[in-house]
PDB file of N, CA and C in Angstrom:
ATOM      1  N   UNK A   1      38.996 -37.774  17.197  1.00  0.00           N
ATOM      2  CA  UNK A   1      38.305 -37.292  16.198  1.00  0.00           C
ATOM      3  C   UNK A   1      37.171 -36.415  16.492  1.00  0.00           C
ATOM      4  N   UNK A   2      37.041 -35.413  15.910  1.00  0.00           N
ATOM      5  CA  UNK A   2      35.891 -34.443  16.304  1.00  0.00           C
ATOM      6  C   UNK A   2      35.155 -34.240  15.113  1.00  0.00           C
ATOM      7  N   UNK A   3      33.791 -34.043  15.256  1.00  0.00           N
ATOM      8  CA  UNK A   3      33.087 -33.766  13.958  1.00  0.00           C
ATOM      9  C   UNK A   3      32.543 -32.154  14.207  1.00  0.00           C
ATOM     10  N   UNK A   4      32.848 -31.957  12.783  1.00  0.00           N
ATOM     11  CA  UNK A   4      32.101 -30.514  13.113  1.00  0.00           C
ATOM     12  C   UNK A   4      31.135 -30.272  12.475  1.00  0.00           C
ATOM     13  N   UNK A   5      30.115 -29.363  13.209  1.00  0.00           N
ATOM     14  CA  UNK A   5      28.944 -29.112  12.863  1.00  0.00           C
ATOM     15  C   UNK A   5      28.604 -28.163  11.804  1.00  0.00           C
ATOM     16  N   UNK A   6      28.031 -27.602  11.060  1.00  0.00           N
ATOM     17  CA  UNK A   6      27.953 -26.404  10.343  1.00  0.00           C
ATOM     18  C   UNK A   6      26.258 -25.742  10.544  1.00  0.00           C
ATOM     19  N   UNK A   7      26.544 -24.673  10.942  1.00  0.00           N
ATOM     20  CA  UNK A   7      25.207 -24.083  11.303  1.00  0.00           C
ATOM     21  C   UNK A   7      25.086 -23.316  10.190  1.00  0.00           C
ATOM     22  N   UNK A   8      23.699 -23.356   9.755  1.00  0.00           N
ATOM     23  CA  UNK A   8      23.185 -22.945   8.591  1.00  0.00           C
ATOM     24  C   UNK A   8      22.027 -21.492   9.296  1.00  0.00           C
ATOM     25  N   UNK A   9      22.450 -20.578   8.962  1.00  0.00           N
ATOM     26  CA  UNK A   9      21.271 -19.351   9.400  1.00  0.00           C
ATOM     27  C   UNK A   9      20.286 -19.381   8.134  1.00  0.00           C
ATOM     28  N   UNK A  10      19.192 -19.371   8.828  1.00  0.00           N
ATOM     29  CA  UNK A  10      18.295 -19.257   7.965  1.00  0.00           C
ATOM     30  C   UNK A  10      17.804 -17.336   8.197  1.00  0.00           C
ATOM     31  N   UNK A  11      17.456 -16.915   7.407  1.00  0.00           N
ATOM     32  CA  UNK A  11      16.930 -15.314   7.511  1.00  0.00           C
ATOM     33  C   UNK A  11      15.872 -15.792   6.847  1.00  0.00           C
ATOM     34  N   UNK A  12      14.726 -15.204   7.144  1.00  0.00           N
ATOM     35  CA  UNK A  12      13.536 -15.616   6.743  1.00  0.00           C
ATOM     36  C   UNK A  12      13.434 -13.593   6.400  1.00  0.00           C
ATOM     37  N   UNK A  13      12.958 -13.680   5.007  1.00  0.00           N
ATOM     38  CA  UNK A  13      12.905 -12.364   4.150  1.00  0.00           C
ATOM     39  C   UNK A  13      11.561 -12.109   3.930  1.00  0.00           C
ATOM     40  N   UNK A  14      10.976 -11.352   4.527  1.00  0.00           N
ATOM     41  CA  UNK A  14       9.621 -11.181   4.208  1.00  0.00           C
ATOM     42  C   UNK A  14       9.352 -10.199   3.016  1.00  0.00           C
ATOM     43  N   UNK A  15       8.371  -9.949   2.328  1.00  0.00           N
ATOM     44  CA  UNK A  15       8.331  -9.310   1.295  1.00  0.00           C
ATOM     45  C   UNK A  15       7.182  -8.126   1.843  1.00  0.00           C
ATOM     46  N   UNK A  16       7.409  -7.199   2.582  1.00  0.00           N
ATOM     47  CA  UNK A  16       6.595  -6.467   2.897  1.00  0.00           C
ATOM     48  C   UNK A  16       5.609  -5.589   1.827  1.00  0.00           C
ATOM     49  N   UNK A  17       4.731  -5.804   1.886  1.00  0.00           N
ATOM     50  CA  UNK A  17       3.883  -4.951   0.807  1.00  0.00           C
ATOM     51  C   UNK A  17       3.133  -3.744   1.442  1.00  0.00           C
ATOM     52  N   UNK A  18       3.539  -2.089   0.922  1.00  0.00           N
ATOM     53  CA  UNK A  18       3.328  -1.281   1.435  1.00  0.00           C
ATOM     54  C   UNK A  18       1.680  -1.079   1.607  1.00  0.00           C
ATOM     55  N   UNK A  19       0.796  -0.517   2.278  1.00  0.00           N
ATOM     56  CA  UNK A  19      -0.393  -0.669   2.155  1.00  0.00           C
ATOM     57  C   UNK A  19      -0.753   0.647   1.034  1.00  0.00           C
ATOM     58  N   UNK A  20      -1.961   0.587   0.734  1.00  0.00           N
ATOM     59  CA  UNK A  20      -2.441   1.938  -0.352  1.00  0.00           C
ATOM     60  C   UNK A  20      -3.696   2.360   0.859  1.00  0.00           C
ATOM     61  N   UNK A  21      -3.437   3.580   0.474  1.00  0.00           N
ATOM     62  CA  UNK A  21      -4.419   4.770   1.157  1.00  0.00           C
ATOM     63  C   UNK A  21      -5.247   5.491  -0.123  1.00  0.00           C
ATOM     64  N   UNK A  22      -6.427   5.320   0.304  1.00  0.00           N
ATOM     65  CA  UNK A  22      -7.674   6.210  -0.545  1.00  0.00           C
ATOM     66  C   UNK A  22      -7.513   7.766  -0.300  1.00  0.00           C
ATOM     67  N   UNK A  23      -7.747   8.479  -1.140  1.00  0.00           N
ATOM     68  CA  UNK A  23      -7.705   9.715  -1.077  1.00  0.00           C
ATOM     69  C   UNK A  23      -9.373  10.106  -1.314  1.00  0.00           C
ATOM     70  N   UNK A  24     -10.214  10.763  -0.301  1.00  0.00           N
ATOM     71  CA  UNK A  24     -11.242  10.665  -0.335  1.00  0.00           C
ATOM     72  C   UNK A  24     -11.815  12.196  -0.209  1.00  0.00           C
ATOM     73  N   UNK A  25     -12.471  12.764  -1.021  1.00  0.00           N
ATOM     74  CA  UNK A  25     -13.297  14.047  -1.282  1.00  0.00           C
ATOM     75  C   UNK A  25     -14.424  14.075  -0.402  1.00  0.00           C
ATOM     76  N   UNK A  26     -14.772  15.100   0.559  1.00  0.00           N
ATOM     77  CA  UNK A  26     -15.979  15.343   1.239  1.00  0.00           C
ATOM     78  C   UNK A  26     -16.828  16.356   0.689  1.00  0.00           C
ATOM     79  N   UNK A  27     -18.210  15.972   0.632  1.00  0.00           N
ATOM     80  CA  UNK A  27     -19.076  17.123   0.077  1.00  0.00           C
ATOM     81  C   UNK A  27     -19.060  18.126   1.163  1.00  0.00           C
ATOM     82  N   UNK A  28     -19.153  19.051   0.264  1.00  0.00           N
ATOM     83  CA  UNK A  28     -19.659  20.609   0.804  1.00  0.00           C
ATOM     84  C   UNK A  28     -20.619  21.441   0.386  1.00  0.00           C
ATOM     85  N   UNK A  29     -21.344  22.244   1.015  1.00  0.00           N
ATOM     86  CA  UNK A  29     -22.223  23.168   0.181  1.00  0.00           C
ATOM     87  C   UNK A  29     -21.547  24.188  -0.786  1.00  0.00           C
ATOM     88  N   UNK A  30     -20.466  24.575  -0.481  1.00  0.00           N
ATOM     89  CA  UNK A  30     -19.740  25.802  -1.105  1.00  0.00           C
ATOM     90  C   UNK A  30     -18.941  25.296  -2.452  1.00  0.00           C
ATOM     91  N   UNK A  31     -17.786  24.281  -2.473  1.00  0.00           N
ATOM     92  CA  UNK A  31     -17.233  23.675  -3.693  1.00  0.00           C
ATOM     93  C   UNK A  31     -18.092  23.490  -4.536  1.00  0.00           C
ATOM     94  N   UNK A  32     -17.602  24.586  -5.685  1.00  0.00           N
ATOM     95  CA  UNK A  32     -18.368  24.090  -6.907  1.00  0.00           C
ATOM     96  C   UNK A  32     -18.265  22.963  -7.714  1.00  0.00           C
ATOM     97  N   UNK A  33     -19.126  22.046  -8.337  1.00  0.00           N
ATOM     98  CA  UNK A  33     -18.755  20.725  -8.993  1.00  0.00           C
ATOM     99  C   UNK A  33     -17.918  20.922  -9.763  1.00  0.00           C
ATOM    100  N   UNK A  34     -17.680  22.132 -10.701  1.00  0.00           N
ATOM    101  CA  UNK A  34     -16.683  22.334 -11.992  1.00  0.00           C
ATOM    102  C   UNK A  34     -15.516  22.161 -11.021  1.00  0.00           C
ATOM    103  N   UNK A  35     -15.215  22.739  -9.963  1.00  0.00           N
ATOM    104  CA  UNK A  35     -13.536  22.564  -9.468  1.00  0.00           C
ATOM    105  C   UNK A  35     -13.117  21.550  -8.791  1.00  0.00           C
ATOM    106  N   UNK A  36     -14.714  20.532  -8.664  1.00  0.00           N
ATOM    107  CA  UNK A  36     -13.970  18.956  -8.487  1.00  0.00           C
ATOM    108  C   UNK A  36     -13.628  18.573  -9.328  1.00  0.00           C
ATOM    109  N   UNK A  37     -14.506  18.616 -10.493  1.00  0.00           N
ATOM    110  CA  UNK A  37     -14.207  18.120 -11.858  1.00  0.00           C
ATOM    111  C   UNK A  37     -12.479  18.293 -12.142  1.00  0.00           C
ATOM    112  N   UNK A  38     -12.395  19.506 -12.238  1.00  0.00           N
ATOM    113  CA  UNK A  38     -11.306  19.957 -12.526  1.00  0.00           C
ATOM    114  C   UNK A  38     -10.194  19.436 -11.790  1.00  0.00           C
ATOM    115  N   UNK A  39     -10.302  19.148 -10.540  1.00  0.00           N
ATOM    116  CA  UNK A  39      -9.078  18.681  -9.575  1.00  0.00           C
ATOM    117  C   UNK A  39      -9.111  17.402  -9.777  1.00  0.00           C
ATOM    118  N   UNK A  40     -10.249  16.621 -10.055  1.00  0.00           N
ATOM    119  CA  UNK A  40      -9.793  15.044 -10.449  1.00  0.00           C
ATOM    120  C   UNK A  40      -9.255  14.735 -11.650  1.00  0.00           C
ATOM    121  N   UNK A  41      -9.170  15.860 -12.710  1.00  0.00           N
ATOM    122  CA  UNK A  41      -8.889  15.659 -13.711  1.00  0.00           C
ATOM    123  C   UNK A  41      -7.538  16.030 -14.144  1.00  0.00           C
ATOM    124  N   UNK A  42      -7.239  16.914 -13.368  1.00  0.00           N
ATOM    125  CA  UNK A  42      -5.894  17.357 -13.286  1.00  0.00           C
ATOM    126  C   UNK A  42      -4.731  16.936 -12.580  1.00  0.00           C
ATOM    127  N   UNK A  43      -5.125  16.808 -11.196  1.00  0.00           N
ATOM    128  CA  UNK A  43      -4.331  16.159 -10.230  1.00  0.00           C
ATOM    129  C   UNK A  43      -4.494  14.429 -10.096  1.00  0.00           C
ATOM    130  N   UNK A  44      -5.777  14.144 -10.280  1.00  0.00           N
ATOM    131  CA  UNK A  44      -5.905  12.703 -10.251  1.00  0.00           C
ATOM    132  C   UNK A  44      -6.102  11.753 -11.608  1.00  0.00           C
ATOM    133  N   UNK A  45      -5.846  12.555 -12.383  1.00  0.00           N
ATOM    134  CA  UNK A  45      -5.508  11.873 -13.928  1.00  0.00           C
ATOM    135  C   UNK A  45      -7.008  11.369 -14.125  1.00  0.00           C
ATOM    136  N   UNK A  46      -8.051  11.790 -14.071  1.00  0.00           N
ATOM    137  CA  UNK A  46      -9.284  10.986 -14.298  1.00  0.00           C
ATOM    138  C   UNK A  46      -9.812  11.700 -15.940  1.00  0.00           C
ATOM    139  N   UNK A  47     -10.484  11.023 -16.658  1.00  0.00           N
ATOM    140  CA  UNK A  47     -11.007  11.466 -17.917  1.00  0.00           C
ATOM    141  C   UNK A  47     -11.830  12.180 -17.423  1.00  0.00           C
ATOM    142  N   UNK A  48     -12.685  12.858 -18.147  1.00  0.00           N
ATOM    143  CA  UNK A  48     -14.330  13.819 -18.026  1.00  0.00           C
ATOM    144  C   UNK A  48     -15.006  13.148 -17.472  1.00  0.00           C
ATOM    145  N   UNK A  49     -15.573  12.110 -18.017  1.00  0.00           N
ATOM    146  CA  UNK A  49     -16.703  11.076 -17.735  1.00  0.00           C
ATOM    147  C   UNK A  49     -16.518  10.722 -16.299  1.00  0.00           C
ATOM    148  N   UNK A  50     -15.109  10.182 -16.077  1.00  0.00           N
ATOM    149  CA  UNK A  50     -14.985   9.603 -14.553  1.00  0.00           C
ATOM    150  C   UNK A  50     -14.776  10.633 -13.720  1.00  0.00           C
ATOM    151  N   UNK A  51     -14.354  11.382 -13.854  1.00  0.00           N
ATOM    152  CA  UNK A  51     -14.409  12.868 -12.734  1.00  0.00           C
ATOM    153  C   UNK A  51     -16.350  13.465 -12.752  1.00  0.00           C
ATOM    154  N   UNK A  52     -16.954  13.494 -13.651  1.00  0.00           N
ATOM    155  CA  UNK A  52     -18.164  13.645 -13.435  1.00  0.00           C
ATOM    156  C   UNK A  52     -18.834  12.595 -12.631  1.00  0.00           C
ATOM    157  N   UNK A  53     -18.592  11.381 -13.009  1.00  0.00           N
ATOM    158  CA  UNK A  53     -19.135  10.225 -12.109  1.00  0.00           C
ATOM    159  C   UNK A  53     -19.076  10.274 -10.648  1.00  0.00           C
ATOM    160  N   UNK A  54     -17.496  10.919 -10.286  1.00  0.00           N
ATOM    161  CA  UNK A  54     -16.891  10.650  -8.908  1.00  0.00           C
ATOM    162  C   UNK A  54     -17.597  12.129  -8.266  1.00  0.00           C
ATOM    163  N   UNK A  55     -17.364  13.142  -8.955  1.00  0.00           N
ATOM    164  CA  UNK A  55     -18.562  14.505  -8.348  1.00  0.00           C
ATOM    165  C   UNK A  55     -19.962  14.162  -8.118  1.00  0.00           C
ATOM    166  N   UNK A  56     -20.296  13.103  -8.911  1.00  0.00           N
ATOM    167  CA  UNK A  56     -22.079  13.118  -8.350  1.00  0.00           C
ATOM    168  C   UNK A  56     -21.818  12.339  -7.338  1.00  0.00           C
ATOM    169  N   UNK A  57     -20.908  11.329  -7.148  1.00  0.00           N
ATOM    170  CA  UNK A  57     -21.016  10.280  -5.843  1.00  0.00           C
ATOM    171  C   UNK A  57     -20.715  11.063  -4.804  1.00  0.00           C
ATOM    172  N   UNK A  58     -20.050  12.185  -4.876  1.00  0.00           N
ATOM    173  CA  UNK A  58     -19.603  12.768  -3.909  1.00  0.00           C
ATOM    174  C   UNK A  58     -20.773  13.658  -3.337  1.00  0.00           C
ATOM    175  N   UNK A  59     -21.353  14.459  -4.734  1.00  0.00           N
ATOM    176  CA  UNK A  59     -22.305  15.416  -3.961  1.00  0.00           C
ATOM    177  C   UNK A  59     -23.688  14.198  -3.459  1.00  0.00           C
ATOM    178  N   UNK A  60     -24.100  12.800  -4.407  1.00  0.00           N
ATOM    179  CA  UNK A  60     -25.075  12.358  -3.534  1.00  0.00           C
ATOM    180  C   UNK A  60     -24.949  11.299  -2.314  1.00  0.00           C
ATOM    181  N   UNK A  61     -23.706  10.932  -2.092  1.00  0.00           N
ATOM    182  CA  UNK A  61     -23.598  10.071  -0.904  1.00  0.00           C
ATOM    183  C   UNK A  61     -22.645  11.029   0.391  1.00  0.00           C
ATOM    184  N   UNK A  62     -22.107  12.179  -0.065  1.00  0.00           N
ATOM    185  CA  UNK A  62     -21.296  12.826   0.805  1.00  0.00           C
ATOM    186  C   UNK A  62     -19.904  12.574   0.909  1.00  0.00           C
ATOM    187  N   UNK A  63     -19.413  11.542   0.009  1.00  0.00           N
ATOM    188  CA  UNK A  63     -18.112  11.428  -0.161  1.00  0.00           C
ATOM    189  C   UNK A  63     -17.720  10.487  -1.366  1.00  0.00           C
ATOM    190  N   UNK A  64     -16.484  10.733  -1.961  1.00  0.00           N
ATOM    191  CA  UNK A  64     -16.054   9.868  -2.848  1.00  0.00           C
ATOM    192  C   UNK A  64     -14.447   9.846  -3.100  1.00  0.00           C
ATOM    193  N   UNK A  65     -14.033   8.799  -3.532  1.00  0.00           N
ATOM    194  CA  UNK A  65     -12.578   8.107  -3.538  1.00  0.00           C
ATOM    195  C   UNK A  65     -12.442   8.534  -5.030  1.00  0.00           C
ATOM    196  N   UNK A  66     -11.397   9.665  -5.210  1.00  0.00           N
ATOM    197  CA  UNK A  66     -10.213  10.318  -5.961  1.00  0.00           C
ATOM    198  C   UNK A  66      -9.259   9.102  -6.469  1.00  0.00           C
ATOM    199  N   UNK A  67      -8.936   8.463  -5.799  1.00  0.00           N
ATOM    200  CA  UNK A  67      -7.886   7.448  -6.119  1.00  0.00           C
ATOM    201  C   UNK A  67      -7.664   6.428  -5.053  1.00  0.00           C
ATOM    202  N   UNK A  68      -6.717   5.860  -5.162  1.00  0.00           N
ATOM    203  CA  UNK A  68      -6.064   4.663  -4.054  1.00  0.00           C
ATOM    204  C   UNK A  68      -4.429   4.501  -4.614  1.00  0.00           C
ATOM    205  N   UNK A  69      -3.462   5.244  -3.485  1.00  0.00           N
ATOM    206  CA  UNK A  69      -2.004   5.161  -4.053  1.00  0.00           C
ATOM    207  C   UNK A  69      -1.495   4.726  -2.735  1.00  0.00           C
ATOM    208  N   UNK A  70      -0.010   4.693  -2.962  1.00  0.00           N
ATOM    209  CA  UNK A  70       0.703   4.523  -1.615  1.00  0.00           C
ATOM    210  C   UNK A  70       0.819   5.614  -0.835  1.00  0.00           C
ATOM    211  N   UNK A  71       0.862   5.809   0.584  1.00  0.00           N
ATOM    212  CA  UNK A  71       0.677   6.435   1.458  1.00  0.00           C
ATOM    213  C   UNK A  71       1.390   7.907   0.961  1.00  0.00           C
ATOM    214  N   UNK A  72       2.491   8.174   0.526  1.00  0.00           N
ATOM    215  CA  UNK A  72       3.640   9.289   0.195  1.00  0.00           C
ATOM    216  C   UNK A  72       2.475  10.327  -1.043  1.00  0.00           C
ATOM    217  N   UNK A  73       2.095   9.149  -1.953  1.00  0.00           N
ATOM    218  CA  UNK A  73       1.747   9.726  -3.057  1.00  0.00           C
ATOM    219  C   UNK A  73      -0.130  10.508  -2.653  1.00  0.00           C
ATOM    220  N   UNK A  74      -0.595   9.409  -1.901  1.00  0.00           N
ATOM    221  CA  UNK A  74      -1.868   9.864  -1.744  1.00  0.00           C
ATOM    222  C   UNK A  74      -1.800  11.320  -0.798  1.00  0.00           C
ATOM    223  N   UNK A  75      -0.941  11.505   0.029  1.00  0.00           N
ATOM    224  CA  UNK A  75      -1.032  12.552   1.003  1.00  0.00           C
ATOM    225  C   UNK A  75      -0.784  14.001  -0.088  1.00  0.00           C
ATOM    226  N   UNK A  76       0.514  13.508  -0.805  1.00  0.00           N
ATOM    227  CA  UNK A  76       0.780  14.799  -2.009  1.00  0.00           C
ATOM    228  C   UNK A  76      -0.257  14.828  -2.918  1.00  0.00           C
ATOM    229  N   UNK A  77      -0.692  14.196  -3.538  1.00  0.00           N
ATOM    230  CA  UNK A  77      -1.883  14.535  -4.042  1.00  0.00           C
ATOM    231  C   UNK A  77      -3.386  15.344  -3.319  1.00  0.00           C
ATOM    232  N   UNK A  78      -3.487  14.663  -2.277  1.00  0.00           N
ATOM    233  CA  UNK A  78      -4.416  15.256  -1.501  1.00  0.00           C
ATOM    234  C   UNK A  78      -4.214  16.911  -1.335  1.00  0.00           C
ATOM    235  N   UNK A  79      -2.946  16.931  -0.555  1.00  0.00           N
ATOM    236  CA  UNK A  79      -2.703  18.049  -0.478  1.00  0.00           C
ATOM    237  C   UNK A  79      -2.506  19.479  -1.349  1.00  0.00           C
ATOM    238  N   UNK A  80      -1.904  18.907  -2.678  1.00  0.00           N
ATOM    239  CA  UNK A  80      -2.143  19.463  -3.629  1.00  0.00           C
ATOM    240  C   UNK A  80      -3.494  20.071  -4.418  1.00  0.00           C
ATOM    241  N   UNK A  81      -4.383  18.913  -3.944  1.00  0.00           N
ATOM    242  CA  UNK A  81      -5.969  19.243  -4.619  1.00  0.00           C
ATOM    243  C   UNK A  81      -6.480  20.274  -3.727  1.00  0.00           C
ATOM    244  N   UNK A  82      -6.237  20.074  -2.000  1.00  0.00           N
ATOM    245  CA  UNK A  82      -6.613  21.191  -1.038  1.00  0.00           C
ATOM    246  C   UNK A  82      -5.900  22.428  -1.537  1.00  0.00           C
ATOM    247  N   UNK A  83      -4.747  22.593  -1.674  1.00  0.00           N
ATOM    248  CA  UNK A  83      -4.022  24.078  -1.923  1.00  0.00           C
ATOM    249  C   UNK A  83      -4.878  24.520  -3.246  1.00  0.00           C
ATOM    250  N   UNK A  84      -5.010  23.922  -4.376  1.00  0.00           N
ATOM    251  CA  UNK A  84      -5.611  24.362  -5.285  1.00  0.00           C
ATOM    252  C   UNK A  84      -7.134  25.107  -5.225  1.00  0.00           C
ATOM    253  N   UNK A  85      -7.869  24.184  -4.173  1.00  0.00           N
ATOM    254  CA  UNK A  85      -8.999  24.440  -3.861  1.00  0.00           C
ATOM    255  C   UNK A  85      -8.936  25.822  -2.834  1.00  0.00           C
ATOM    256  N   UNK A  86      -8.151  25.708  -2.338  1.00  0.00           N
ATOM    257  CA  UNK A  86      -8.057  27.446  -1.207  1.00  0.00           C
ATOM    258  C   UNK A  86      -7.767  28.267  -2.099  1.00  0.00           C
ATOM    259  N   UNK A  87      -6.865  28.258  -3.292  1.00  0.00           N
ATOM    260  CA  UNK A  87      -6.605  29.031  -4.049  1.00  0.00           C
ATOM    261  C   UNK A  87      -7.942  29.731  -4.985  1.00  0.00           C
ATOM    262  N   UNK A  88      -8.693  28.911  -4.888  1.00  0.00           N
ATOM    263  CA  UNK A  88     -10.179  29.223  -5.412  1.00  0.00           C
ATOM    264  C   UNK A  88     -11.053  29.516  -4.532  1.00  0.00           C
ATOM    265  N   UNK A  89     -10.848  30.153  -3.051  1.00  0.00           N
ATOM    266  CA  UNK A  89     -11.844  30.166  -2.244  1.00  0.00           C
ATOM    267  C   UNK A  89     -12.501  29.152  -2.103  1.00  0.00           C
ATOM    268  N   UNK A  90     -12.353  28.008  -1.907  1.00  0.00           N
ATOM    269  CA  UNK A  90     -13.032  26.693  -1.686  1.00  0.00           C
ATOM    270  C   UNK A  90     -12.555  26.178  -0.372  1.00  0.00           C
ATOM    271  N   UNK A  91     -13.880  25.893   0.828  1.00  0.00           N
ATOM    272  CA  UNK A  91     -13.308  25.112   1.926  1.00  0.00           C
ATOM    273  C   UNK A  91     -13.214  23.614   1.535  1.00  0.00           C
ATOM    274  N   UNK A  92     -13.006  23.138   0.462  1.00  0.00           N
ATOM    275  CA  UNK A  92     -12.449  21.664   0.431  1.00  0.00           C
ATOM    276  C   UNK A  92     -12.242  20.490   1.252  1.00  0.00           C
ATOM    277  N   UNK A  93     -12.804  19.567   1.716  1.00  0.00           N
ATOM    278  CA  UNK A  93     -11.804  18.877   2.731  1.00  0.00           C
ATOM    279  C   UNK A  93     -11.507  17.764   2.228  1.00  0.00           C
ATOM    280  N   UNK A  94     -10.204  17.270   2.147  1.00  0.00           N
ATOM    281  CA  UNK A  94      -9.960  15.938   1.538  1.00  0.00           C
ATOM    282  C   UNK A  94      -9.182  15.139   2.403  1.00  0.00           C
ATOM    283  N   UNK A  95      -9.557  13.748   3.159  1.00  0.00           N
ATOM    284  CA  UNK A  95      -9.361  13.011   3.912  1.00  0.00           C
ATOM    285  C   UNK A  95      -8.266  11.792   3.086  1.00  0.00           C
ATOM    286  N   UNK A  96      -7.164  11.505   3.720  1.00  0.00           N
ATOM    287  CA  UNK A  96      -6.334  10.151   3.054  1.00  0.00           C
ATOM    288  C   UNK A  96      -6.803   8.601   4.500  1.00  0.00           C
ATOM    289  N   UNK A  97      -7.158   7.910   3.721  1.00  0.00           N
ATOM    290  CA  UNK A  97      -7.397   7.155   4.283  1.00  0.00           C
ATOM    291  C   UNK A  97      -6.964   5.487   4.709  1.00  0.00           C
ATOM    292  N   UNK A  98      -6.514   4.465   5.127  1.00  0.00           N
ATOM    293  CA  UNK A  98      -5.589   3.257   5.035  1.00  0.00           C
ATOM    294  C   UNK A  98      -7.092   2.641   3.946  1.00  0.00           C
ATOM    295  N   UNK A  99      -6.517   1.623   3.521  1.00  0.00           N
ATOM    296  CA  UNK A  99      -7.728   1.381   2.322  1.00  0.00           C
ATOM    297  C   UNK A  99      -8.082   0.041   3.100  1.00  0.00           C
ATOM    298  N   UNK A 100      -8.887  -0.912   3.196  1.00  0.00           N
ATOM    299  CA  UNK A 100      -9.163  -2.043   4.650  1.00  0.00           C
ATOM    300  C   UNK A 100      -9.245  -3.263   3.662  1.00  0.00           C
TER     301      UNK A 100
END
């Protein structure tokens, strides 16, 4: 008489939550505030009041967060904003940083 042992394989499935990334505008002495406000409204979909608040934060503290997204979206929005800034003759610097 033989006994059969059923082997149950347990697959551990972990939900991997993708990280979030901040799109950060850095202050400079050349880029007009109106351009920054326009970029925040058109690319990052902020309303006028929020865009002005973020622009003042950038001006007063040296940087400001335009938004928090998945890496791909943050990178795309950052590149689009820099591209538009360059078309307007602005040296605007934007970074994409992992959210802590």
